[in-house]
Amino acid sequence: MLKRPSKVLKEIPYKLLKTITGDFSNLLGSGTLRTVFKGVDDNGQVTAVKIFNDYLGGQIVMQPQNEIRITMGFEVEHENIIQPVGYCIEYEEVAVQYNEKMYISCPIHAALCLEYMENGSLREHISDASEGLDWIIRYKIIKRICDGLRYLHERLHSPVLHLNLKPSNILLDENMIPKISDFSLSTRLGEEDTRRIEPNVGTLTYMPPEFINKLVISMEFDIFSLGVIIIETVAGFSIYKLLHDMPYEEIIELVRNQLSRNIINR
């Protein structure tokens, strides 16, 4: 049985992950770095099993290790932060033939098991302001994303910068409560509040100008991403695409009008 520990993550054998996912047949979603499957154990507990793709060879192991390191550092569980169930990092020896000679290959099986979120990601629900979620639900989602981010920035002994906030990384449970997920790019702040890093995978739309131009990160990185998410949640993706190079006064007025129409239509 897979159990969700409060402090210590359980190491789960790769063989068990294959079993509970039906030999990795229950696909929930996929991306460049990972593929997510639905897992159900013998006791009926449902989890999301995130398998990290091995196309980067040995370096791919850093992705789940970073998520484990970040999530293990949370002093308490927060209702707006995705909770891990367990992890898997296994090396498998496989005999392969090359130029009529046999060699031993050691592929890495790396995975994270997370609590299952019935309503998928926020990205699936905010394609346009005129359809999908009503305003009350949108407001509650925005507020609770802010609560989760405040926890990461202000309530931990060492603040965590998420660095990859976007609607597809905001997951919704059966009650439409949002939870921030995917800490593979996250980092903890040290003595310096701002530092320079090498560019990594991410989504340009949610990156602030100071990072795009100078590779500078700070807490404001996540705040910028949050602002984009709020606009998209209130006004829809189509509206946000119109905002580039628009004066901020016009942006405020446009979003306010869109919000007013949304409330009236409800």
Protein backbone atom coordinates (compact mmCIF):
# COMPACT_ATOMS: atom_id res chain seq x y z
CA MET A 1 0.00 0.00 0.00
CA LEU A 2 1.22 3.51 -0.80
CA LYS A 3 1.03 5.81 2.20
CA ARG A 4 1.56 9.54 2.44
CA PRO A 5 4.08 10.17 5.22
CA SER A 6 4.21 13.57 6.89
CA LYS A 7 8.01 13.96 6.94
CA VAL A 8 9.77 10.97 5.38
CA LEU A 9 9.13 10.04 1.77
CA LYS A 10 8.77 6.35 1.07
CA GLU A 11 11.04 4.81 -1.55
CA ILE A 12 8.80 2.84 -3.92
CA PRO A 13 10.17 0.05 -6.13
CA TYR A 14 9.92 0.62 -9.86
CA LYS A 15 8.24 -2.77 -10.18
CA LEU A 16 5.42 -1.60 -7.92
CA LEU A 17 4.97 1.57 -9.98
CA LYS A 18 4.53 -0.58 -13.09
CA THR A 19 1.89 -2.62 -11.29
CA ILE A 20 -0.24 0.21 -9.92
CA THR A 21 -0.21 2.08 -13.26
CA GLY A 22 -1.18 -0.97 -15.32
CA ASP A 23 2.29 -1.18 -16.84
CA PHE A 24 2.23 2.59 -17.40
CA SER A 25 -0.96 2.51 -19.45
CA ASN A 26 -3.13 5.01 -17.49
CA LEU A 27 -1.75 8.23 -18.99
CA LEU A 28 -2.67 11.54 -17.36
CA GLY A 29 -0.31 13.84 -19.26
CA SER A 30 3.14 14.20 -20.72
CA GLY A 31 5.85 16.79 -21.33
CA THR A 32 9.43 17.11 -22.47
CA LEU A 33 10.93 16.01 -19.16
CA ARG A 34 8.25 13.78 -17.67
CA THR A 35 5.19 11.61 -18.21
CA VAL A 36 2.43 11.28 -15.59
CA PHE A 37 0.29 8.20 -15.04
CA LYS A 38 -2.62 7.40 -12.75
CA GLY A 39 -1.78 4.76 -10.18
CA VAL A 40 -4.18 2.71 -8.04
CA ASP A 41 -2.84 0.34 -5.39
CA ASP A 42 -4.49 -2.80 -3.97
CA ASN A 43 -6.31 -0.73 -1.34
CA GLY A 44 -7.78 1.65 -3.89
CA GLN A 45 -5.54 4.61 -3.07
CA VAL A 46 -5.10 6.78 -6.16
CA THR A 47 -1.85 8.61 -6.87
CA ALA A 48 -0.24 10.50 -9.73
CA VAL A 49 2.98 8.79 -10.80
CA LYS A 50 5.42 11.16 -12.49
CA ILE A 51 8.03 9.31 -14.53
CA PHE A 52 11.08 11.37 -15.50
CA ASN A 53 12.22 10.73 -19.05
CA ASP A 54 15.74 9.32 -19.38
CA TYR A 55 16.73 11.16 -22.57
CA LEU A 56 19.30 13.19 -20.62
CA GLY A 57 21.01 10.07 -19.33
CA GLY A 58 22.43 10.33 -15.83
CA GLN A 59 21.61 14.05 -15.53
CA ILE A 60 17.87 13.36 -15.48
CA VAL A 61 18.15 12.07 -11.92
CA MET A 62 18.64 15.66 -10.73
CA GLN A 63 15.05 16.55 -11.61
CA PRO A 64 13.33 14.22 -9.10
CA GLN A 65 16.11 14.68 -6.56
CA ASN A 66 15.50 18.44 -6.60
CA GLU A 67 11.76 18.00 -6.12
CA ILE A 68 12.38 15.58 -3.26
CA ARG A 69 14.89 17.96 -1.66
CA ILE A 70 12.49 20.91 -1.87
CA THR A 71 9.35 19.11 -0.69
CA MET A 72 11.16 17.35 2.17
CA GLY A 73 12.09 20.80 3.49
CA PHE A 74 8.48 21.88 4.03
CA GLU A 75 8.10 22.12 7.81
CA VAL A 76 4.34 21.51 7.65
CA GLU A 77 1.93 20.46 4.96
CA HIS A 78 0.04 23.30 3.29
CA GLU A 79 -3.33 22.75 1.66
CA ASN A 80 -2.26 24.72 -1.42
CA ILE A 81 1.01 22.86 -2.01
CA ILE A 82 0.97 19.46 -3.72
CA GLN A 83 1.93 16.68 -1.34
CA PRO A 84 4.38 13.92 -2.29
CA VAL A 85 3.63 10.28 -1.55
CA GLY A 86 6.92 8.61 -2.43
CA TYR A 87 9.75 8.42 -4.91
CA CYS A 88 11.79 6.00 -6.97
CA ILE A 89 15.39 6.24 -8.19
CA GLU A 90 16.63 2.88 -9.50
CA TYR A 91 19.45 1.85 -11.80
CA GLU A 92 18.76 -1.23 -13.90
CA GLU A 93 21.46 -3.29 -15.56
CA VAL A 94 20.41 -4.27 -19.09
CA ALA A 95 22.47 -6.30 -21.57
CA VAL A 96 22.57 -4.68 -25.04
CA GLN A 97 24.32 -5.77 -28.21
CA TYR A 98 26.42 -3.38 -30.29
CA ASN A 99 28.70 -4.36 -33.19
CA GLU A 100 28.25 -8.01 -32.29
CA LYS A 101 29.46 -7.38 -28.74
CA MET A 102 27.43 -7.39 -25.53
CA TYR A 103 27.50 -4.41 -23.21
CA ILE A 104 25.82 -3.54 -19.93
CA SER A 105 23.62 -0.44 -20.00
CA CYS A 106 22.35 1.19 -16.80
CA PRO A 107 19.16 3.15 -17.51
CA ILE A 108 17.78 5.24 -14.66
CA HIS A 109 14.22 4.79 -13.48
CA ALA A 110 13.31 8.04 -11.69
CA ALA A 111 9.81 8.87 -10.49
CA LEU A 112 7.77 10.85 -7.98
CA CYS A 113 4.38 9.80 -6.62
CA LEU A 114 2.06 12.67 -5.73
CA GLU A 115 -1.44 13.07 -4.41
CA TYR A 116 -3.98 12.68 -7.21
CA MET A 117 -5.88 15.79 -8.29
CA GLU A 118 -9.27 14.98 -9.79
CA ASN A 119 -9.84 18.20 -11.75
CA GLY A 120 -6.51 18.37 -13.56
CA SER A 121 -4.70 21.67 -14.03
CA LEU A 122 -5.92 25.26 -14.00
CA ARG A 123 -4.80 25.48 -17.63
CA GLU A 124 -7.70 23.25 -18.63
CA HIS A 125 -10.31 25.52 -17.03
CA ILE A 126 -9.41 29.09 -18.09
CA SER A 127 -9.30 28.99 -21.86
CA ASP A 128 -11.60 32.01 -21.96
CA ALA A 129 -13.28 34.26 -19.38
CA SER A 130 -16.73 33.77 -20.91
CA GLU A 131 -16.79 30.03 -20.30
CA GLY A 132 -15.73 27.50 -17.71
CA LEU A 133 -15.31 28.67 -14.11
CA ASP A 134 -17.57 31.29 -12.56
CA TRP A 135 -16.13 34.33 -10.84
CA ILE A 136 -16.48 33.04 -7.25
CA ILE A 137 -14.47 29.94 -8.05
CA ARG A 138 -11.88 32.00 -9.95
CA TYR A 139 -11.51 34.35 -6.98
CA LYS A 140 -11.04 31.48 -4.52
CA ILE A 141 -8.47 29.84 -6.79
CA ILE A 142 -6.48 33.09 -7.07
CA LYS A 143 -6.59 33.69 -3.32
CA ARG A 144 -5.42 30.17 -2.50
CA ILE A 145 -2.60 30.28 -5.05
CA CYS A 146 -1.48 33.47 -3.29
CA ASP A 147 -1.70 31.66 0.08
CA GLY A 148 0.45 28.81 -1.23
CA LEU A 149 3.05 31.17 -2.68
CA ARG A 150 3.13 33.18 0.53
CA TYR A 151 3.87 29.97 2.40
CA LEU A 152 6.80 29.22 0.08
CA HIS A 153 8.19 32.76 0.35
CA GLU A 154 7.47 33.75 3.96
CA ARG A 155 6.57 30.78 6.17
CA LEU A 156 9.57 28.50 5.66
CA HIS A 157 12.90 28.73 7.44
CA SER A 158 14.56 29.01 4.01
CA PRO A 159 12.23 30.62 1.43
CA VAL A 160 11.56 28.62 -1.73
CA LEU A 161 11.45 30.18 -5.18
CA HIS A 162 9.25 28.08 -7.43
CA LEU A 163 10.54 29.53 -10.75
CA ASN A 164 8.02 27.69 -12.91
CA LEU A 165 4.60 28.96 -11.86
CA LYS A 166 2.02 28.68 -14.62
CA PRO A 167 -1.57 27.40 -14.96
CA SER A 168 -0.45 23.90 -15.99
CA ASN A 169 1.46 23.65 -12.68
CA ILE A 170 -1.57 24.64 -10.61
CA LEU A 171 -3.56 21.47 -9.96
CA LEU A 172 -7.18 21.33 -8.75
CA ASP A 173 -8.64 18.73 -6.41
CA GLU A 174 -12.21 17.44 -6.34
CA ASN A 175 -13.35 20.65 -4.58
CA MET A 176 -11.50 22.93 -7.01
CA ILE A 177 -8.91 23.77 -4.35
CA PRO A 178 -5.65 24.70 -6.14
CA LYS A 179 -2.27 23.24 -5.25
CA ILE A 180 1.08 24.47 -6.52
CA SER A 181 3.02 21.61 -8.11
CA ASP A 182 6.26 20.80 -9.97
CA PHE A 183 9.29 21.89 -7.92
CA SER A 184 11.85 20.49 -10.36
CA LEU A 185 13.24 23.99 -11.13
CA SER A 186 12.79 25.41 -7.64
CA THR A 187 15.53 26.66 -5.37
CA ARG A 188 15.93 27.82 -1.79
CA LEU A 189 17.19 31.31 -1.04
CA GLY A 190 20.50 31.47 0.77
CA GLU A 191 22.13 34.49 2.29
CA GLU A 192 21.60 36.54 -0.88
CA ASP A 193 18.07 37.36 -1.90
CA THR A 194 19.00 37.72 -5.54
CA ARG A 195 21.47 35.73 -7.62
CA ARG A 196 22.31 34.85 -11.21
CA ILE A 197 21.67 31.44 -12.67
CA GLU A 198 22.08 29.76 -16.00
CA PRO A 199 18.88 29.68 -18.10
CA ASN A 200 16.88 26.48 -17.67
CA VAL A 201 13.75 24.98 -19.09
CA GLY A 202 10.62 27.01 -18.44
CA THR A 203 7.90 29.03 -20.15
CA LEU A 204 8.86 32.45 -21.48
CA THR A 205 5.40 33.98 -20.91
CA TYR A 206 5.77 33.63 -17.14
CA MET A 207 9.36 34.86 -16.88
CA PRO A 208 10.04 38.44 -15.73
CA PRO A 209 12.11 40.82 -17.91
CA GLU A 210 15.02 40.92 -15.44
CA PHE A 211 15.48 37.18 -15.86
CA ILE A 212 15.03 37.16 -19.62
CA ASN A 213 17.51 40.03 -20.06
CA LYS A 214 20.00 39.52 -17.23
CA LEU A 215 19.29 36.05 -15.75
CA VAL A 216 18.54 37.60 -12.35
CA ILE A 217 16.15 35.78 -10.02
CA SER A 218 14.54 36.78 -6.74
CA MET A 219 11.13 36.44 -5.09
CA GLU A 220 9.84 38.87 -7.70
CA PHE A 221 10.31 36.14 -10.31
CA ASP A 222 7.38 34.19 -8.80
CA ILE A 223 5.38 37.39 -8.22
CA PHE A 224 5.61 38.22 -11.93
CA SER A 225 4.47 34.69 -12.81
CA LEU A 226 1.61 35.01 -10.32
CA GLY A 227 0.50 38.28 -11.93
CA VAL A 228 0.29 36.62 -15.33
CA ILE A 229 -1.71 33.73 -13.84
CA ILE A 230 -4.13 36.15 -12.16
CA ILE A 231 -4.75 38.05 -15.41
CA GLU A 232 -5.28 34.80 -17.34
CA THR A 233 -7.60 33.44 -14.63
CA VAL A 234 -9.69 36.61 -14.57
CA ALA A 235 -9.69 37.56 -18.24
CA GLY A 236 -8.66 34.45 -20.19
CA PHE A 237 -5.64 33.62 -22.33
CA SER A 238 -6.95 35.52 -25.34
CA ILE A 239 -7.03 38.79 -23.37
CA TYR A 240 -3.52 38.38 -21.98
CA LYS A 241 -2.11 38.00 -25.49
CA LEU A 242 -3.33 41.53 -26.22
CA LEU A 243 -1.44 43.10 -23.32
CA HIS A 244 2.10 43.08 -24.68
CA ASP A 245 3.47 46.61 -25.13
CA MET A 246 0.23 48.08 -23.75
CA PRO A 247 0.49 50.86 -21.11
CA TYR A 248 -0.32 49.55 -17.63
CA GLU A 249 -3.27 51.95 -17.28
CA GLU A 250 -4.90 50.38 -20.34
CA ILE A 251 -4.11 46.89 -19.03
CA ILE A 252 -5.90 47.64 -15.74
CA GLU A 253 -8.92 49.07 -17.54
CA LEU A 254 -9.12 46.13 -19.98
CA VAL A 255 -8.96 43.53 -17.19
CA ARG A 256 -11.45 45.49 -15.08
CA ASN A 257 -13.95 45.63 -17.95
CA GLN A 258 -13.51 41.95 -18.68
CA LEU A 259 -14.04 41.13 -15.01
CA SER A 260 -17.19 43.29 -14.86
CA ARG A 261 -18.67 41.52 -17.89
CA ASN A 262 -17.85 38.17 -16.35
CA ILE A 263 -19.61 39.03 -13.08
CA ILE A 264 -22.67 40.47 -14.86
CA ASN A 265 -22.96 37.43 -17.14
CA ARG A 266 -22.98 35.17 -14.09
